[in-house]
Amino acid sequence: MSTFEELQATVGELVQAGKGLLAADESQPTIAKRFAAAGIDSTEENRRAYRSLLLTAPGLGQYLSGVILFEETLGQKADDGTALPQAAQRQGIVPGIKVDKGTTALANAAGDLVTQGLDGLAARLQTYKGLGARFAKWREVYPVTASNPTALGIAVNAEVLARYAAICQEQGVVPIVEPEVLLDGDHSIERCAQVTEAVLQAVFHALQRHRVMLECMLLKPSMVVPGKDSARQAGPDEVARETLTVLRRCVPAAVPSINFLSGGQTAAQATANLNAMNVQLPHAPWALSFSYARALQQPVIDAWRGRGQNVQTAQQALCLRAKLNAAACQGRYRPEMEHAG
């Protein structure tokens, strides 16, 4: 099988109607923060037990085609001794891996950040691939202020995303390209749209410069929403309209799927916004799906609370959220379904 055929096979498994991705790739500080809010200690065993709970939830493969894992999880095992990537595969869920090394301040671009981790990436991808990972994810973040992101910040972050994607494809690993325009701040939805358009234009110009095969990657963008401290918030129809306008201007039809991040939205908000997009543009050139972390996991953590007797209830909470988002991928979600079980 050629590298191109390998990439196409993985994309074919990831992009399925009515299915999305679970992002379970939180770094140690992030998962510790989420656990602490539910009174759970972030020990290695608790992280293993939690991620085992996620990947062995009965029936989850009906709604998920892939899962993004943290490096630690690749080497961990489910309660029955199965390696966690294989536990996912048993459900028809393709394992992937977060490969970036977090952000640092970008020199000469006050307020902007850039993500680290390109050094040694090709060798790490080979190791991850040997452990079962078939796709990867890299996140760049864009704070929004009156002066951010700067032109330099937009250009550098696009270049890094393109270099990462090219390295992945060379290794036979499908890249998920994640440019996240942050929700923090009091900016308007119009300002978010302006920034998102500039970011995506730069990202796709860089991808094309680096000869990244657009049909062998997925895009994981943020939705166009007002800052969380904005005086005027937006409902699903407005979020969908603004987001789709930007996507149609910036994202080539060759990209097979756009899997949105939830970016601090509540579970119900993220589902309703995704649904509105699929209602407004039912014949989009790309699949419009999800790659949620907190919007899928928060109800699970709240139900589990680190207790073995709560595993079944927590798994049911995960499958319900996945089911609702699967419906949203097809424009079939209704708010009353939140309470139908």
C-alpha atoms as a PDB file:
ATOM      1  CA  MET A   1       0.000   0.000   0.000  1.00  0.00           C
ATOM      2  CA  SER A   2       1.391   3.420  -0.943  1.00  0.00           C
ATOM      3  CA  THR A   3       1.536   6.242   1.603  1.00  0.00           C
ATOM      4  CA  PHE A   4      -1.293   7.992  -0.222  1.00  0.00           C
ATOM      5  CA  GLU A   5      -3.454   4.859  -0.075  1.00  0.00           C
ATOM      6  CA  GLU A   6      -2.653   4.459   3.614  1.00  0.00           C
ATOM      7  CA  LEU A   7      -3.705   8.042   4.307  1.00  0.00           C
ATOM      8  CA  GLN A   8      -6.869   7.667   2.240  1.00  0.00           C
ATOM      9  CA  ALA A   9      -7.816   4.473   4.085  1.00  0.00           C
ATOM     10  CA  THR A  10      -7.507   6.247   7.446  1.00  0.00           C
ATOM     11  CA  VAL A  11      -9.508   9.240   6.237  1.00  0.00           C
ATOM     12  CA  GLY A  12     -12.186   6.859   4.987  1.00  0.00           C
ATOM     13  CA  GLU A  13     -12.523   5.357   8.451  1.00  0.00           C
ATOM     14  CA  LEU A  14     -12.524   8.740  10.210  1.00  0.00           C
ATOM     15  CA  VAL A  15     -15.036  10.471   7.941  1.00  0.00           C
ATOM     16  CA  GLN A  16     -18.294   8.586   8.332  1.00  0.00           C
ATOM     17  CA  ALA A  17     -21.783  10.081   8.190  1.00  0.00           C
ATOM     18  CA  GLY A  18     -23.149  10.716  11.666  1.00  0.00           C
ATOM     19  CA  LYS A  19     -19.854  10.059  13.458  1.00  0.00           C
ATOM     20  CA  GLY A  20     -17.272  12.334  15.038  1.00  0.00           C
ATOM     21  CA  LEU A  21     -14.152  12.313  17.191  1.00  0.00           C
ATOM     22  CA  LEU A  22     -13.589  12.258  20.933  1.00  0.00           C
ATOM     23  CA  ALA A  23     -10.674  14.438  22.034  1.00  0.00           C
ATOM     24  CA  ALA A  24      -9.277  12.665  25.114  1.00  0.00           C
ATOM     25  CA  ASP A  25      -5.809  14.176  24.797  1.00  0.00           C
ATOM     26  CA  GLU A  26      -5.720  16.528  27.764  1.00  0.00           C
ATOM     27  CA  SER A  27      -2.258  17.263  29.113  1.00  0.00           C
ATOM     28  CA  GLN A  28      -1.507  16.379  32.740  1.00  0.00           C
ATOM     29  CA  PRO A  29      -2.212  19.937  34.048  1.00  0.00           C
ATOM     30  CA  THR A  30      -5.499  20.153  32.120  1.00  0.00           C
ATOM     31  CA  ILE A  31      -6.894  16.813  33.246  1.00  0.00           C
ATOM     32  CA  ALA A  32      -5.738  17.525  36.802  1.00  0.00           C
ATOM     33  CA  LYS A  33      -7.782  20.742  36.766  1.00  0.00           C
ATOM     34  CA  ARG A  34     -10.894  18.970  35.452  1.00  0.00           C
ATOM     35  CA  PHE A  35     -10.501  16.112  37.926  1.00  0.00           C
ATOM     36  CA  ALA A  36      -9.975  18.512  40.848  1.00  0.00           C
ATOM     37  CA  ALA A  37     -13.307  20.207  40.140  1.00  0.00           C
ATOM     38  CA  ALA A  38     -14.982  16.802  40.669  1.00  0.00           C
ATOM     39  CA  GLY A  39     -12.890  15.863  43.702  1.00  0.00           C
ATOM     40  CA  ILE A  40     -10.700  13.342  41.852  1.00  0.00           C
ATOM     41  CA  ASP A  41      -6.938  13.037  42.379  1.00  0.00           C
ATOM     42  CA  SER A  42      -4.990  13.079  39.105  1.00  0.00           C
ATOM     43  CA  THR A  43      -2.939   9.944  39.733  1.00  0.00           C
ATOM     44  CA  GLU A  44      -1.713   7.774  36.879  1.00  0.00           C
ATOM     45  CA  GLU A  45      -4.137   5.024  37.946  1.00  0.00           C
ATOM     46  CA  ASN A  46      -7.108   7.408  38.002  1.00  0.00           C
ATOM     47  CA  ARG A  47      -6.201   8.720  34.557  1.00  0.00           C
ATOM     48  CA  ARG A  48      -5.885   5.156  33.279  1.00  0.00           C
ATOM     49  CA  ALA A  49      -9.192   4.103  34.846  1.00  0.00           C
ATOM     50  CA  TYR A  50     -10.938   7.159  33.421  1.00  0.00           C
ATOM     51  CA  ARG A  51      -9.648   6.726  29.890  1.00  0.00           C
ATOM     52  CA  SER A  52     -10.435   3.006  30.070  1.00  0.00           C
ATOM     53  CA  LEU A  53     -13.982   3.966  31.057  1.00  0.00           C
ATOM     54  CA  LEU A  54     -14.217   6.192  27.976  1.00  0.00           C
ATOM     55  CA  LEU A  55     -12.843   3.755  25.430  1.00  0.00           C
ATOM     56  CA  THR A  56     -14.776   0.723  26.669  1.00  0.00           C
ATOM     57  CA  ALA A  57     -18.188   2.410  26.902  1.00  0.00           C
ATOM     58  CA  PRO A  58     -20.573  -0.105  25.288  1.00  0.00           C
ATOM     59  CA  GLY A  59     -21.887   1.048  21.911  1.00  0.00           C
ATOM     60  CA  LEU A  60     -19.637   4.110  21.651  1.00  0.00           C
ATOM     61  CA  GLY A  61     -18.461   3.065  18.195  1.00  0.00           C
ATOM     62  CA  GLN A  62     -21.955   3.778  16.829  1.00  0.00           C
ATOM     63  CA  TYR A  63     -21.257   7.494  17.233  1.00  0.00           C
ATOM     64  CA  LEU A  64     -17.465   7.906  17.159  1.00  0.00           C
ATOM     65  CA  SER A  65     -15.058   7.116  14.344  1.00  0.00           C
ATOM     66  CA  GLY A  66     -11.875   8.245  16.109  1.00  0.00           C
ATOM     67  CA  VAL A  67     -10.332   9.229  19.430  1.00  0.00           C
ATOM     68  CA  ILE A  68      -7.394  11.570  20.051  1.00  0.00           C
ATOM     69  CA  LEU A  69      -5.226  10.233  22.860  1.00  0.00           C
ATOM     70  CA  PHE A  70      -2.539  11.741  25.080  1.00  0.00           C
ATOM     71  CA  GLU A  71       0.909  10.117  24.865  1.00  0.00           C
ATOM     72  CA  GLU A  72       0.539   8.492  28.304  1.00  0.00           C
ATOM     73  CA  THR A  73      -2.642   6.706  27.200  1.00  0.00           C
ATOM     74  CA  LEU A  74      -0.950   4.908  24.296  1.00  0.00           C
ATOM     75  CA  GLY A  75       0.941   2.742  26.787  1.00  0.00           C
ATOM     76  CA  GLN A  76      -1.900   2.161  29.248  1.00  0.00           C
ATOM     77  CA  LYS A  77      -4.286  -0.784  29.446  1.00  0.00           C
ATOM     78  CA  ALA A  78      -8.002  -1.217  29.977  1.00  0.00           C
ATOM     79  CA  ASP A  79      -9.290  -3.038  33.042  1.00  0.00           C
ATOM     80  CA  ASP A  80      -9.233  -6.334  31.116  1.00  0.00           C
ATOM     81  CA  GLY A  81      -5.563  -5.894  30.156  1.00  0.00           C
ATOM     82  CA  THR A  82      -6.161  -4.765  26.568  1.00  0.00           C
ATOM     83  CA  ALA A  83      -3.955  -1.880  25.419  1.00  0.00           C
ATOM     84  CA  LEU A  84      -6.180   1.218  25.284  1.00  0.00           C
ATOM     85  CA  PRO A  85      -5.572   1.913  21.557  1.00  0.00           C
ATOM     86  CA  GLN A  86      -6.688  -1.657  20.839  1.00  0.00           C
ATOM     87  CA  ALA A  87      -9.728  -1.221  23.112  1.00  0.00           C
ATOM     88  CA  ALA A  88     -10.747   1.680  20.880  1.00  0.00           C
ATOM     89  CA  GLN A  89     -10.119  -0.323  17.711  1.00  0.00           C
ATOM     90  CA  ARG A  90     -12.344  -3.143  18.991  1.00  0.00           C
ATOM     91  CA  GLN A  91     -15.223  -0.652  18.817  1.00  0.00           C
ATOM     92  CA  GLY A  92     -14.287   0.491  15.325  1.00  0.00           C
ATOM     93  CA  ILE A  93     -12.784   3.711  16.718  1.00  0.00           C
ATOM     94  CA  VAL A  94      -9.484   4.757  15.100  1.00  0.00           C
ATOM     95  CA  PRO A  95      -6.810   5.780  17.651  1.00  0.00           C
ATOM     96  CA  GLY A  96      -4.937   9.050  17.120  1.00  0.00           C
ATOM     97  CA  ILE A  97      -2.412  11.066  19.114  1.00  0.00           C
ATOM     98  CA  LYS A  98      -1.794  14.667  20.171  1.00  0.00           C
ATOM     99  CA  VAL A  99       1.782  15.437  19.098  1.00  0.00           C
ATOM    100  CA  ASP A 100       2.374  19.094  19.934  1.00  0.00           C
ATOM    101  CA  LYS A 101       4.314  20.140  23.045  1.00  0.00           C
ATOM    102  CA  GLY A 102       2.283  23.150  24.125  1.00  0.00           C
ATOM    103  CA  THR A 103       2.600  26.877  23.553  1.00  0.00           C
ATOM    104  CA  THR A 104       5.206  29.516  24.286  1.00  0.00           C
ATOM    105  CA  ALA A 105       5.277  33.288  23.782  1.00  0.00           C
ATOM    106  CA  LEU A 106       6.117  34.331  20.219  1.00  0.00           C
ATOM    107  CA  ALA A 107       9.085  36.725  20.127  1.00  0.00           C
ATOM    108  CA  ASN A 108       8.360  40.192  18.709  1.00  0.00           C
ATOM    109  CA  ALA A 109       4.605  39.540  18.664  1.00  0.00           C
ATOM    110  CA  ALA A 110       3.390  40.671  22.094  1.00  0.00           C
ATOM    111  CA  GLY A 111       0.386  38.668  23.259  1.00  0.00           C
ATOM    112  CA  ASP A 112       0.701  35.965  20.594  1.00  0.00           C
ATOM    113  CA  LEU A 113       1.703  32.358  21.164  1.00  0.00           C
ATOM    114  CA  VAL A 114       3.274  29.615  19.054  1.00  0.00           C
ATOM    115  CA  THR A 115       3.230  25.851  19.601  1.00  0.00           C
ATOM    116  CA  GLN A 116       6.396  23.801  20.093  1.00  0.00           C
ATOM    117  CA  GLY A 117       7.249  20.203  19.204  1.00  0.00           C
ATOM    118  CA  LEU A 118       8.424  20.009  15.578  1.00  0.00           C
ATOM    119  CA  ASP A 119      11.918  18.814  16.522  1.00  0.00           C
ATOM    120  CA  GLY A 120      12.021  15.022  16.343  1.00  0.00           C
ATOM    121  CA  LEU A 121       8.392  14.813  15.236  1.00  0.00           C
ATOM    122  CA  ALA A 122       8.984  12.311  12.415  1.00  0.00           C
ATOM    123  CA  ALA A 123      10.702   9.845  14.775  1.00  0.00           C
ATOM    124  CA  ARG A 124       7.989  10.260  17.416  1.00  0.00           C
ATOM    125  CA  LEU A 125       5.299   9.616  14.821  1.00  0.00           C
ATOM    126  CA  GLN A 126       6.928   6.316  13.926  1.00  0.00           C
ATOM    127  CA  THR A 127       6.892   5.308  17.597  1.00  0.00           C
ATOM    128  CA  TYR A 128       3.256   6.346  18.013  1.00  0.00           C
ATOM    129  CA  LYS A 129       2.316   4.531  14.825  1.00  0.00           C
ATOM    130  CA  GLY A 130       3.880   1.353  16.205  1.00  0.00           C
ATOM    131  CA  LEU A 131       1.616   1.696  19.249  1.00  0.00           C
ATOM    132  CA  GLY A 132      -1.508   1.944  17.083  1.00  0.00           C
ATOM    133  CA  ALA A 133      -1.968   5.665  16.336  1.00  0.00           C
ATOM    134  CA  ARG A 134      -3.039   6.363  12.745  1.00  0.00           C
ATOM    135  CA  PHE A 135      -3.711  10.085  12.876  1.00  0.00           C
ATOM    136  CA  ALA A 136      -2.305  13.034  14.796  1.00  0.00           C
ATOM    137  CA  LYS A 137      -3.410  16.420  16.092  1.00  0.00           C
ATOM    138  CA  TRP A 138      -1.563  19.728  16.502  1.00  0.00           C
ATOM    139  CA  ARG A 139      -3.112  22.863  18.017  1.00  0.00           C
ATOM    140  CA  GLU A 140      -2.174  26.485  17.474  1.00  0.00           C
ATOM    141  CA  VAL A 141      -3.990  29.117  19.533  1.00  0.00           C
ATOM    142  CA  TYR A 142      -4.910  32.701  18.708  1.00  0.00           C
ATOM    143  CA  PRO A 143      -5.795  35.074  21.561  1.00  0.00           C
ATOM    144  CA  VAL A 144      -8.182  37.849  20.444  1.00  0.00           C
ATOM    145  CA  THR A 145      -7.627  41.454  21.543  1.00  0.00           C
ATOM    146  CA  ALA A 146      -7.734  44.784  19.736  1.00  0.00           C
ATOM    147  CA  SER A 147      -4.188  44.052  18.489  1.00  0.00           C
ATOM    148  CA  ASN A 148      -4.007  40.228  18.521  1.00  0.00           C
ATOM    149  CA  PRO A 149      -3.402  38.087  16.725  1.00  0.00           C
ATOM    150  CA  THR A 150      -0.706  40.117  14.956  1.00  0.00           C
ATOM    151  CA  ALA A 151       0.160  39.591  11.298  1.00  0.00           C
ATOM    152  CA  LEU A 152       3.374  37.912  12.475  1.00  0.00           C
ATOM    153  CA  GLY A 153       1.463  35.622  14.827  1.00  0.00           C
ATOM    154  CA  ILE A 154      -0.934  34.558  12.081  1.00  0.00           C
ATOM    155  CA  ALA A 155       1.906  33.881   9.633  1.00  0.00           C
ATOM    156  CA  VAL A 156       4.140  31.934  12.046  1.00  0.00           C
ATOM    157  CA  ASN A 157       1.326  29.771  13.405  1.00  0.00           C
ATOM    158  CA  ALA A 158       0.187  28.900   9.874  1.00  0.00           C
ATOM    159  CA  GLU A 159       3.726  27.915   8.922  1.00  0.00           C
ATOM    160  CA  VAL A 160       4.068  25.645  11.960  1.00  0.00           C
ATOM    161  CA  LEU A 161       0.728  23.928  11.263  1.00  0.00           C
ATOM    162  CA  ALA A 162       1.755  23.319   7.648  1.00  0.00           C
ATOM    163  CA  ARG A 163       5.162  21.908   8.601  1.00  0.00           C
ATOM    164  CA  TYR A 164       3.510  19.552  11.094  1.00  0.00           C
ATOM    165  CA  ALA A 165       0.936  18.397   8.528  1.00  0.00           C
ATOM    166  CA  ALA A 166       3.595  17.747   5.876  1.00  0.00           C
ATOM    167  CA  ILE A 167       5.697  15.683   8.307  1.00  0.00           C
ATOM    168  CA  CYS A 168       2.638  13.628   9.301  1.00  0.00           C
ATOM    169  CA  GLN A 169       1.684  12.815   5.732  1.00  0.00           C
ATOM    170  CA  GLU A 170       5.246  11.853   4.886  1.00  0.00           C
ATOM    171  CA  GLN A 171       5.042   9.291   7.723  1.00  0.00           C
ATOM    172  CA  GLY A 172       1.663   7.925   6.621  1.00  0.00           C
ATOM    173  CA  VAL A 173      -0.200   9.597   9.492  1.00  0.00           C
ATOM    174  CA  VAL A 174      -3.307  11.707   8.802  1.00  0.00           C
ATOM    175  CA  PRO A 175      -2.903  15.205  10.305  1.00  0.00           C
ATOM    176  CA  ILE A 176      -5.676  17.056  12.088  1.00  0.00           C
ATOM    177  CA  VAL A 177      -4.926  20.764  11.711  1.00  0.00           C
ATOM    178  CA  GLU A 178      -6.289  22.732  14.683  1.00  0.00           C
ATOM    179  CA  PRO A 179      -6.220  26.544  14.585  1.00  0.00           C
ATOM    180  CA  GLU A 180      -8.149  27.669  17.671  1.00  0.00           C
ATOM    181  CA  VAL A 181      -9.346  31.259  17.932  1.00  0.00           C
ATOM    182  CA  LEU A 182      -9.771  31.544  21.690  1.00  0.00           C
ATOM    183  CA  LEU A 183     -13.090  32.215  23.401  1.00  0.00           C
ATOM    184  CA  ASP A 184     -11.452  34.314  26.142  1.00  0.00           C
ATOM    185  CA  GLY A 185     -12.265  38.029  26.031  1.00  0.00           C
ATOM    186  CA  ASP A 186     -15.127  40.395  25.378  1.00  0.00           C
ATOM    187  CA  HIS A 187     -14.796  40.616  21.579  1.00  0.00           C
ATOM    188  CA  SER A 188     -17.845  40.592  19.323  1.00  0.00           C
ATOM    189  CA  ILE A 189     -18.862  37.779  17.002  1.00  0.00           C
ATOM    190  CA  GLU A 190     -17.906  40.059  14.107  1.00  0.00           C
ATOM    191  CA  ARG A 191     -14.353  40.408  15.479  1.00  0.00           C
ATOM    192  CA  CYS A 192     -14.142  36.617  15.889  1.00  0.00           C
ATOM    193  CA  ALA A 193     -15.242  36.181  12.259  1.00  0.00           C
ATOM    194  CA  GLN A 194     -12.608  38.662  11.079  1.00  0.00           C
ATOM    195  CA  VAL A 195      -9.827  36.881  12.978  1.00  0.00           C
ATOM    196  CA  THR A 196     -10.985  33.380  11.976  1.00  0.00           C
ATOM    197  CA  GLU A 197     -11.062  34.333   8.310  1.00  0.00           C
ATOM    198  CA  ALA A 198      -7.541  35.779   8.434  1.00  0.00           C
ATOM    199  CA  VAL A 199      -6.261  32.698  10.296  1.00  0.00           C
ATOM    200  CA  LEU A 200      -7.817  30.157   7.928  1.00  0.00           C
ATOM    201  CA  GLN A 201      -6.676  32.007   4.818  1.00  0.00           C
ATOM    202  CA  ALA A 202      -3.098  31.951   6.126  1.00  0.00           C
ATOM    203  CA  VAL A 203      -3.313  28.288   7.172  1.00  0.00           C
ATOM    204  CA  PHE A 204      -4.479  27.068   3.765  1.00  0.00           C
ATOM    205  CA  HIS A 205      -1.918  29.170   1.891  1.00  0.00           C
ATOM    206  CA  ALA A 206       0.789  27.598   4.087  1.00  0.00           C
ATOM    207  CA  LEU A 207      -0.597  24.071   3.624  1.00  0.00           C
ATOM    208  CA  GLN A 208      -0.476  24.510  -0.130  1.00  0.00           C
ATOM    209  CA  ARG A 209       3.076  25.907   0.006  1.00  0.00           C
ATOM    210  CA  HIS A 210       4.151  22.796   1.899  1.00  0.00           C
ATOM    211  CA  ARG A 211       2.371  20.519  -0.598  1.00  0.00           C
ATOM    212  CA  VAL A 212       0.064  19.057   2.002  1.00  0.00           C
ATOM    213  CA  MET A 213      -2.584  16.842   0.369  1.00  0.00           C
ATOM    214  CA  LEU A 214      -5.809  18.489   1.458  1.00  0.00           C
ATOM    215  CA  GLU A 215      -7.850  15.336   0.805  1.00  0.00           C
ATOM    216  CA  CYS A 216      -5.663  13.505   3.353  1.00  0.00           C
ATOM    217  CA  MET A 217      -6.158  15.835   6.350  1.00  0.00           C
ATOM    218  CA  LEU A 218      -8.940  17.031   8.637  1.00  0.00           C
ATOM    219  CA  LEU A 219      -9.541  20.586   9.861  1.00  0.00           C
ATOM    220  CA  LYS A 220     -10.388  21.204  13.527  1.00  0.00           C
ATOM    221  CA  PRO A 221     -11.360  24.877  13.821  1.00  0.00           C
ATOM    222  CA  SER A 222     -13.158  26.865  16.470  1.00  0.00           C
ATOM    223  CA  MET A 223     -16.676  28.084  15.750  1.00  0.00           C
ATOM    224  CA  VAL A 224     -17.267  31.781  15.149  1.00  0.00           C
ATOM    225  CA  VAL A 225     -18.679  32.947  18.488  1.00  0.00           C
ATOM    226  CA  PRO A 226     -18.483  36.090  20.634  1.00  0.00           C
ATOM    227  CA  GLY A 227     -15.913  36.207  23.437  1.00  0.00           C
ATOM    228  CA  LYS A 228     -17.227  34.598  26.611  1.00  0.00           C
ATOM    229  CA  ASP A 229     -17.246  38.020  28.345  1.00  0.00           C
ATOM    230  CA  SER A 230     -19.032  39.804  25.498  1.00  0.00           C
ATOM    231  CA  ALA A 231     -22.192  41.663  26.487  1.00  0.00           C
ATOM    232  CA  ARG A 232     -23.979  40.183  23.477  1.00  0.00           C
ATOM    233  CA  GLN A 233     -23.948  36.428  23.088  1.00  0.00           C
ATOM    234  CA  ALA A 234     -25.190  34.566  20.007  1.00  0.00           C
ATOM    235  CA  GLY A 235     -27.703  31.787  19.460  1.00  0.00           C
ATOM    236  CA  PRO A 236     -27.124  28.698  17.321  1.00  0.00           C
ATOM    237  CA  ASP A 237     -28.535  30.177  14.101  1.00  0.00           C
ATOM    238  CA  GLU A 238     -26.230  33.202  14.250  1.00  0.00           C
ATOM    239  CA  VAL A 239     -23.189  31.116  15.193  1.00  0.00           C
ATOM    240  CA  ALA A 240     -23.916  28.758  12.298  1.00  0.00           C
ATOM    241  CA  ARG A 241     -24.417  31.577   9.797  1.00  0.00           C
ATOM    242  CA  GLU A 242     -21.228  33.415  10.752  1.00  0.00           C
ATOM    243  CA  THR A 243     -19.150  30.226  10.912  1.00  0.00           C
ATOM    244  CA  LEU A 244     -20.365  28.899   7.568  1.00  0.00           C
ATOM    245  CA  THR A 245     -19.712  32.244   5.867  1.00  0.00           C
ATOM    246  CA  VAL A 246     -16.063  32.106   6.936  1.00  0.00           C
ATOM    247  CA  LEU A 247     -15.636  28.425   6.081  1.00  0.00           C
ATOM    248  CA  ARG A 248     -17.068  28.826   2.591  1.00  0.00           C
ATOM    249  CA  ARG A 249     -14.644  31.673   1.936  1.00  0.00           C
ATOM    250  CA  CYS A 250     -11.561  29.884   3.240  1.00  0.00           C
ATOM    251  CA  VAL A 251     -11.729  26.078   3.235  1.00  0.00           C
ATOM    252  CA  PRO A 252     -11.191  24.283  -0.097  1.00  0.00           C
ATOM    253  CA  ALA A 253     -13.695  21.594  -1.025  1.00  0.00           C
ATOM    254  CA  ALA A 254     -10.864  19.047  -1.146  1.00  0.00           C
ATOM    255  CA  VAL A 255     -10.827  18.916   2.677  1.00  0.00           C
ATOM    256  CA  PRO A 256     -13.007  15.903   3.546  1.00  0.00           C
ATOM    257  CA  SER A 257     -14.187  16.906   7.006  1.00  0.00           C
ATOM    258  CA  ILE A 258     -14.355  19.855   9.377  1.00  0.00           C
ATOM    259  CA  ASN A 259     -14.454  18.572  12.965  1.00  0.00           C
ATOM    260  CA  PHE A 260     -15.134  21.494  15.284  1.00  0.00           C
ATOM    261  CA  LEU A 261     -13.602  21.941  18.716  1.00  0.00           C
ATOM    262  CA  SER A 262     -15.968  22.973  21.496  1.00  0.00           C
ATOM    263  CA  GLY A 263     -13.601  25.578  22.942  1.00  0.00           C
ATOM    264  CA  GLY A 264     -15.246  26.189  26.293  1.00  0.00           C
ATOM    265  CA  GLN A 265     -18.861  26.023  25.133  1.00  0.00           C
ATOM    266  CA  THR A 266     -21.268  24.014  27.268  1.00  0.00           C
ATOM    267  CA  ALA A 267     -22.116  20.512  26.065  1.00  0.00           C
ATOM    268  CA  ALA A 268     -25.584  21.580  24.900  1.00  0.00           C
ATOM    269  CA  GLN A 269     -24.323  24.769  23.184  1.00  0.00           C
ATOM    270  CA  ALA A 270     -21.706  22.880  21.173  1.00  0.00           C
ATOM    271  CA  THR A 271     -24.298  20.346  20.029  1.00  0.00           C
ATOM    272  CA  ALA A 272     -26.924  22.962  19.132  1.00  0.00           C
ATOM    273  CA  ASN A 273     -24.419  25.065  17.166  1.00  0.00           C
ATOM    274  CA  LEU A 274     -23.182  22.064  15.183  1.00  0.00           C
ATOM    275  CA  ASN A 275     -26.748  21.048  14.442  1.00  0.00           C
ATOM    276  CA  ALA A 276     -27.620  24.528  13.176  1.00  0.00           C
ATOM    277  CA  MET A 277     -24.732  24.380  10.690  1.00  0.00           C
ATOM    278  CA  ASN A 278     -25.918  21.094   9.254  1.00  0.00           C
ATOM    279  CA  VAL A 279     -29.475  22.434   9.008  1.00  0.00           C
ATOM    280  CA  GLN A 280     -28.334  25.611   7.227  1.00  0.00           C
ATOM    281  CA  LEU A 281     -25.902  23.875   4.854  1.00  0.00           C
ATOM    282  CA  PRO A 282     -27.061  20.259   4.456  1.00  0.00           C
ATOM    283  CA  HIS A 283     -25.032  19.709   1.291  1.00  0.00           C
ATOM    284  CA  ALA A 284     -21.756  21.269   2.428  1.00  0.00           C
ATOM    285  CA  PRO A 285     -18.663  20.289   0.411  1.00  0.00           C
ATOM    286  CA  TRP A 286     -17.110  18.903   3.582  1.00  0.00           C
ATOM    287  CA  ALA A 287     -18.574  16.821   6.412  1.00  0.00           C
ATOM    288  CA  LEU A 288     -19.447  19.089   9.355  1.00  0.00           C
ATOM    289  CA  SER A 289     -18.732  17.086  12.484  1.00  0.00           C
ATOM    290  CA  PHE A 290     -17.228  17.313  15.968  1.00  0.00           C
ATOM    291  CA  SER A 291     -13.971  16.687  17.794  1.00  0.00           C
ATOM    292  CA  TYR A 292     -15.036  17.655  21.294  1.00  0.00           C
ATOM    293  CA  ALA A 293     -13.184  17.268  24.567  1.00  0.00           C
ATOM    294  CA  ARG A 294     -14.974  19.006  27.431  1.00  0.00           C
ATOM    295  CA  ALA A 295     -18.347  19.081  25.619  1.00  0.00           C
ATOM    296  CA  LEU A 296     -18.307  15.274  25.532  1.00  0.00           C
ATOM    297  CA  GLN A 297     -16.411  14.577  28.744  1.00  0.00           C
ATOM    298  CA  GLN A 298     -17.668  17.016  31.381  1.00  0.00           C
ATOM    299  CA  PRO A 299     -20.930  15.115  32.015  1.00  0.00           C
ATOM    300  CA  VAL A 300     -18.850  11.905  32.230  1.00  0.00           C
ATOM    301  CA  ILE A 301     -16.449  13.280  34.857  1.00  0.00           C
ATOM    302  CA  ASP A 302     -19.384  14.686  36.842  1.00  0.00           C
ATOM    303  CA  ALA A 303     -21.078  11.273  36.831  1.00  0.00           C
ATOM    304  CA  TRP A 304     -17.930   9.229  37.563  1.00  0.00           C
ATOM    305  CA  ARG A 305     -16.208  11.237  40.317  1.00  0.00           C
ATOM    306  CA  GLY A 306     -13.467   8.602  40.532  1.00  0.00           C
ATOM    307  CA  ARG A 307     -15.751   5.892  41.920  1.00  0.00           C
ATOM    308  CA  GLY A 308     -15.920   2.386  40.487  1.00  0.00           C
ATOM    309  CA  GLN A 309     -19.629   2.065  41.224  1.00  0.00           C
ATOM    310  CA  ASN A 310     -20.316   5.037  38.928  1.00  0.00           C
ATOM    311  CA  VAL A 311     -18.609   3.647  35.810  1.00  0.00           C
ATOM    312  CA  GLN A 312     -21.779   2.431  34.107  1.00  0.00           C
ATOM    313  CA  THR A 313     -23.609   5.730  34.715  1.00  0.00           C
ATOM    314  CA  ALA A 314     -20.603   7.683  33.431  1.00  0.00           C
ATOM    315  CA  GLN A 315     -20.414   5.533  30.294  1.00  0.00           C
ATOM    316  CA  GLN A 316     -24.113   6.094  29.669  1.00  0.00           C
ATOM    317  CA  ALA A 317     -23.550   9.864  29.971  1.00  0.00           C
ATOM    318  CA  LEU A 318     -20.761   9.646  27.371  1.00  0.00           C
ATOM    319  CA  CYS A 319     -22.847   7.620  24.934  1.00  0.00           C
ATOM    320  CA  LEU A 320     -25.774  10.030  25.297  1.00  0.00           C
ATOM    321  CA  ARG A 321     -23.616  13.045  24.461  1.00  0.00           C
ATOM    322  CA  ALA A 322     -21.997  11.190  21.555  1.00  0.00           C
ATOM    323  CA  LYS A 323     -25.447  10.157  20.292  1.00  0.00           C
ATOM    324  CA  LEU A 324     -26.742  13.751  20.458  1.00  0.00           C
ATOM    325  CA  ASN A 325     -23.721  15.054  18.552  1.00  0.00           C
ATOM    326  CA  ALA A 326     -24.078  12.285  15.974  1.00  0.00           C
ATOM    327  CA  ALA A 327     -27.638  13.528  15.446  1.00  0.00           C
ATOM    328  CA  ALA A 328     -26.313  17.096  15.145  1.00  0.00           C
ATOM    329  CA  CYS A 329     -23.966  15.955  12.353  1.00  0.00           C
ATOM    330  CA  GLN A 330     -27.089  15.214  10.358  1.00  0.00           C
ATOM    331  CA  GLY A 331     -29.167  18.209  11.430  1.00  0.00           C
ATOM    332  CA  ARG A 332     -31.448  15.977  13.491  1.00  0.00           C
ATOM    333  CA  TYR A 333     -30.723  17.187  17.030  1.00  0.00           C
ATOM    334  CA  ARG A 334     -33.546  18.734  19.070  1.00  0.00           C
ATOM    335  CA  PRO A 335     -33.101  20.288  22.548  1.00  0.00           C
ATOM    336  CA  GLU A 336     -35.754  17.976  24.004  1.00  0.00           C
ATOM    337  CA  MET A 337     -33.459  15.033  23.178  1.00  0.00           C
ATOM    338  CA  GLU A 338     -31.218  16.196  26.056  1.00  0.00           C
ATOM    339  CA  HIS A 339     -33.675  14.623  28.487  1.00  0.00           C
ATOM    340  CA  ALA A 340     -34.859  11.659  26.439  1.00  0.00           C
ATOM    341  CA  GLY A 341     -31.926   9.400  27.375  1.00  0.00           C
END
